[in-house]
Amino acid sequence: MRNYSVSERAIIAIGAAAGKTVEDVNAVLTKDAARTGATFRPVNATSLGMAPRYPSLSSADAEALWAHILRPKSLGDIVRTVAE
């Protein structure tokens, strides 16, 4: 079995920090695998439960990153949001 890719690890870490379920994270991983042509590798509850080992994020930051994964913003929108 292959290791998770960089993007898969980011999705898993952010999903865990945002308190998302295994089903939520696997839905995003499935969509990402279909988009990139990669083989889908599901995350399991054990991997998702390792959230405390990931860098600490506030709930608000984790939710904002998760929202960005689901609905990416343009760079201009991100710059405007940060400037506010």
N, C-alpha and C. Protein backbone atom coordinates (compact mmCIF):
# COMPACT_ATOMS: atom_id res chain seq x y z
N MET A 1 0.85 -1.18 0.00
CA MET A 1 0.00 0.00 0.00
C MET A 1 0.90 1.24 0.00
N ARG A 2 0.51 2.24 -0.74
CA ARG A 2 1.32 3.45 -0.85
C ARG A 2 1.10 4.39 0.33
N ASN A 3 2.06 5.28 0.53
CA ASN A 3 1.91 6.32 1.55
C ASN A 3 0.96 7.39 1.04
N TYR A 4 0.40 8.17 1.96
CA TYR A 4 -0.43 9.30 1.56
C TYR A 4 0.44 10.33 0.86
N SER A 5 -0.12 11.01 -0.15
CA SER A 5 0.59 12.09 -0.82
C SER A 5 0.58 13.33 0.07
N VAL A 6 1.33 14.31 -0.32
CA VAL A 6 1.39 15.57 0.44
C VAL A 6 -0.01 16.18 0.54
N SER A 7 -0.73 16.21 -0.58
CA SER A 7 -2.06 16.82 -0.55
C SER A 7 -3.02 15.99 0.31
N GLU A 8 -2.91 14.66 0.26
CA GLU A 8 -3.77 13.83 1.09
C GLU A 8 -3.48 14.06 2.57
N ARG A 9 -2.21 14.15 2.92
CA ARG A 9 -1.86 14.40 4.33
C ARG A 9 -2.39 15.75 4.79
N ALA A 10 -2.34 16.76 3.92
CA ALA A 10 -2.87 18.08 4.29
C ALA A 10 -4.37 18.02 4.50
N ILE A 11 -5.07 17.33 3.61
CA ILE A 11 -6.53 17.20 3.76
C ILE A 11 -6.86 16.48 5.06
N ILE A 12 -6.15 15.41 5.34
CA ILE A 12 -6.40 14.64 6.57
C ILE A 12 -6.11 15.48 7.81
N ALA A 13 -4.97 16.16 7.84
CA ALA A 13 -4.59 16.97 9.01
C ALA A 13 -5.58 18.10 9.24
N ILE A 14 -5.97 18.80 8.19
CA ILE A 14 -6.90 19.92 8.34
C ILE A 14 -8.28 19.41 8.72
N GLY A 15 -8.70 18.31 8.10
CA GLY A 15 -10.00 17.72 8.45
C GLY A 15 -10.04 17.31 9.91
N ALA A 16 -8.97 16.69 10.38
CA ALA A 16 -8.90 16.27 11.79
C ALA A 16 -8.94 17.48 12.70
N ALA A 17 -8.17 18.52 12.38
CA ALA A 17 -8.14 19.72 13.21
C ALA A 17 -9.49 20.43 13.22
N ALA A 18 -10.22 20.31 12.11
CA ALA A 18 -11.54 20.95 12.02
C ALA A 18 -12.65 20.07 12.60
N GLY A 19 -12.27 18.89 13.10
CA GLY A 19 -13.26 18.01 13.73
C GLY A 19 -14.17 17.30 12.74
N LYS A 20 -13.71 17.11 11.52
CA LYS A 20 -14.52 16.45 10.50
C LYS A 20 -14.52 14.94 10.72
N THR A 21 -15.57 14.28 10.24
CA THR A 21 -15.70 12.84 10.39
C THR A 21 -14.86 12.13 9.32
N VAL A 22 -14.67 10.83 9.52
CA VAL A 22 -13.96 10.01 8.54
C VAL A 22 -14.69 10.10 7.19
N GLU A 23 -16.02 10.09 7.23
CA GLU A 23 -16.80 10.17 6.01
C GLU A 23 -16.59 11.49 5.28
N ASP A 24 -16.54 12.60 6.04
CA ASP A 24 -16.30 13.92 5.44
C ASP A 24 -14.94 13.96 4.74
N VAL A 25 -13.92 13.48 5.43
CA VAL A 25 -12.56 13.51 4.88
C VAL A 25 -12.46 12.59 3.67
N ASN A 26 -13.02 11.39 3.77
CA ASN A 26 -12.96 10.46 2.65
C ASN A 26 -13.70 10.98 1.43
N ALA A 27 -14.77 11.75 1.63
CA ALA A 27 -15.48 12.35 0.49
C ALA A 27 -14.57 13.30 -0.26
N VAL A 28 -13.80 14.10 0.47
CA VAL A 28 -12.87 15.04 -0.17
C VAL A 28 -11.72 14.28 -0.82
N LEU A 29 -11.21 13.26 -0.15
CA LEU A 29 -10.12 12.45 -0.73
C LEU A 29 -10.57 11.75 -2.01
N THR A 30 -11.81 11.26 -2.03
CA THR A 30 -12.36 10.62 -3.23
C THR A 30 -12.42 11.60 -4.38
N LYS A 31 -12.93 12.79 -4.11
CA LYS A 31 -13.03 13.82 -5.14
C LYS A 31 -11.65 14.23 -5.65
N ASP A 32 -10.68 14.36 -4.74
CA ASP A 32 -9.33 14.74 -5.12
C ASP A 32 -8.68 13.65 -5.98
N ALA A 33 -8.88 12.38 -5.61
CA ALA A 33 -8.32 11.27 -6.39
C ALA A 33 -8.91 11.23 -7.79
N ALA A 34 -10.20 11.46 -7.90
CA ALA A 34 -10.84 11.48 -9.22
C ALA A 34 -10.32 12.63 -10.07
N ARG A 35 -10.10 13.77 -9.43
CA ARG A 35 -9.61 14.95 -10.15
C ARG A 35 -8.19 14.76 -10.65
N THR A 36 -7.35 14.13 -9.85
CA THR A 36 -5.94 14.00 -10.19
C THR A 36 -5.61 12.70 -10.92
N GLY A 37 -6.54 11.76 -10.92
CA GLY A 37 -6.28 10.47 -11.54
C GLY A 37 -5.51 9.53 -10.64
N ALA A 38 -5.39 9.88 -9.38
CA ALA A 38 -4.67 9.05 -8.42
C ALA A 38 -5.59 7.93 -7.92
N THR A 39 -4.99 6.96 -7.27
CA THR A 39 -5.75 5.89 -6.65
C THR A 39 -6.28 6.40 -5.31
N PHE A 40 -7.57 6.21 -5.08
CA PHE A 40 -8.17 6.64 -3.81
C PHE A 40 -7.64 5.77 -2.69
N ARG A 41 -7.15 6.40 -1.66
CA ARG A 41 -6.71 5.71 -0.46
C ARG A 41 -7.49 6.30 0.71
N PRO A 42 -8.44 5.56 1.26
CA PRO A 42 -9.27 6.10 2.33
C PRO A 42 -8.48 6.29 3.62
N VAL A 43 -8.91 7.28 4.37
CA VAL A 43 -8.36 7.48 5.71
C VAL A 43 -9.21 6.64 6.66
N ASN A 44 -8.60 6.15 7.71
CA ASN A 44 -9.37 5.40 8.71
C ASN A 44 -9.45 6.22 9.99
N ALA A 45 -10.26 5.76 10.90
CA ALA A 45 -10.48 6.50 12.15
C ALA A 45 -9.18 6.65 12.95
N THR A 46 -8.30 5.66 12.88
CA THR A 46 -7.03 5.74 13.62
C THR A 46 -6.17 6.88 13.10
N SER A 47 -6.05 6.97 11.77
CA SER A 47 -5.25 8.05 11.19
C SER A 47 -5.85 9.40 11.52
N LEU A 48 -7.16 9.51 11.41
CA LEU A 48 -7.83 10.78 11.70
C LEU A 48 -7.72 11.11 13.19
N GLY A 49 -7.69 10.09 14.03
CA GLY A 49 -7.59 10.30 15.47
C GLY A 49 -6.22 10.77 15.93
N MET A 50 -5.26 10.82 15.02
CA MET A 50 -3.92 11.28 15.38
C MET A 50 -3.83 12.80 15.32
N ALA A 51 -4.94 13.48 15.30
CA ALA A 51 -4.96 14.94 15.20
C ALA A 51 -4.08 15.64 16.23
N PRO A 52 -4.00 15.17 17.47
CA PRO A 52 -3.14 15.86 18.43
C PRO A 52 -1.67 15.89 18.03
N ARG A 53 -1.26 15.01 17.12
CA ARG A 53 0.13 14.99 16.67
C ARG A 53 0.39 16.04 15.60
N TYR A 54 -0.66 16.59 15.02
CA TYR A 54 -0.51 17.58 13.97
C TYR A 54 -0.29 18.96 14.60
N PRO A 55 0.29 19.89 13.85
CA PRO A 55 0.47 21.24 14.39
C PRO A 55 -0.87 21.81 14.86
N SER A 56 -0.82 22.56 15.92
CA SER A 56 -2.04 23.10 16.51
C SER A 56 -2.63 24.22 15.66
N LEU A 57 -3.92 24.14 15.44
CA LEU A 57 -4.68 25.18 14.75
C LEU A 57 -5.87 25.54 15.61
N SER A 58 -6.25 26.80 15.59
CA SER A 58 -7.49 27.16 16.29
C SER A 58 -8.64 26.56 15.50
N SER A 59 -9.76 26.38 16.15
CA SER A 59 -10.94 25.84 15.46
C SER A 59 -11.34 26.72 14.29
N ALA A 60 -11.27 28.03 14.49
CA ALA A 60 -11.65 28.96 13.42
C ALA A 60 -10.71 28.84 12.22
N ASP A 61 -9.40 28.72 12.49
CA ASP A 61 -8.43 28.57 11.39
C ASP A 61 -8.63 27.25 10.66
N ALA A 62 -8.86 26.18 11.42
CA ALA A 62 -9.07 24.87 10.80
C ALA A 62 -10.34 24.88 9.95
N GLU A 63 -11.40 25.49 10.46
CA GLU A 63 -12.65 25.58 9.68
C GLU A 63 -12.45 26.41 8.42
N ALA A 64 -11.69 27.50 8.52
CA ALA A 64 -11.42 28.35 7.35
C ALA A 64 -10.62 27.59 6.31
N LEU A 65 -9.63 26.83 6.73
CA LEU A 65 -8.84 26.03 5.80
C LEU A 65 -9.70 24.93 5.16
N TRP A 66 -10.56 24.29 5.95
CA TRP A 66 -11.44 23.25 5.41
C TRP A 66 -12.39 23.85 4.37
N ALA A 67 -12.93 25.01 4.67
CA ALA A 67 -13.82 25.68 3.71
C ALA A 67 -13.07 26.01 2.43
N HIS A 68 -11.80 26.38 2.55
CA HIS A 68 -10.99 26.69 1.37
C HIS A 68 -10.72 25.43 0.55
N ILE A 69 -10.54 24.29 1.21
CA ILE A 69 -10.36 23.03 0.49
C ILE A 69 -11.62 22.71 -0.32
N LEU A 70 -12.77 22.91 0.29
CA LEU A 70 -14.03 22.59 -0.39
C LEU A 70 -14.40 23.60 -1.46
N ARG A 71 -14.15 24.87 -1.19
CA ARG A 71 -14.51 25.95 -2.12
C ARG A 71 -13.35 26.94 -2.18
N PRO A 72 -12.34 26.63 -3.00
CA PRO A 72 -11.16 27.50 -3.06
C PRO A 72 -11.51 28.93 -3.45
N LYS A 73 -10.82 29.87 -2.83
CA LYS A 73 -10.97 31.28 -3.16
C LYS A 73 -9.84 31.68 -4.10
N SER A 74 -10.07 32.73 -4.84
CA SER A 74 -9.01 33.24 -5.69
C SER A 74 -7.96 33.92 -4.79
N LEU A 75 -6.77 34.07 -5.32
CA LEU A 75 -5.71 34.73 -4.55
C LEU A 75 -6.12 36.15 -4.15
N GLY A 76 -6.80 36.86 -5.05
CA GLY A 76 -7.27 38.21 -4.74
C GLY A 76 -8.22 38.24 -3.58
N ASP A 77 -9.13 37.25 -3.49
CA ASP A 77 -10.08 37.17 -2.37
C ASP A 77 -9.34 36.90 -1.07
N ILE A 78 -8.33 36.05 -1.13
CA ILE A 78 -7.57 35.73 0.08
C ILE A 78 -6.83 36.95 0.58
N VAL A 79 -6.20 37.68 -0.31
CA VAL A 79 -5.46 38.89 0.05
C VAL A 79 -6.41 39.91 0.67
N ARG A 80 -7.58 40.10 0.08
CA ARG A 80 -8.56 41.05 0.63
C ARG A 80 -9.02 40.62 2.01
N THR A 81 -9.25 39.32 2.22
CA THR A 81 -9.69 38.81 3.51
C THR A 81 -8.63 39.05 4.58
N VAL A 82 -7.38 38.79 4.26
CA VAL A 82 -6.29 38.96 5.22
C VAL A 82 -6.11 40.44 5.55
N ALA A 83 -6.29 41.33 4.58
CA ALA A 83 -6.10 42.75 4.79
C ALA A 83 -7.18 43.36 5.68
N GLU A 84 -8.32 42.71 5.77
CA GLU A 84 -9.44 43.27 6.56
C GLU A 84 -9.25 43.13 8.03
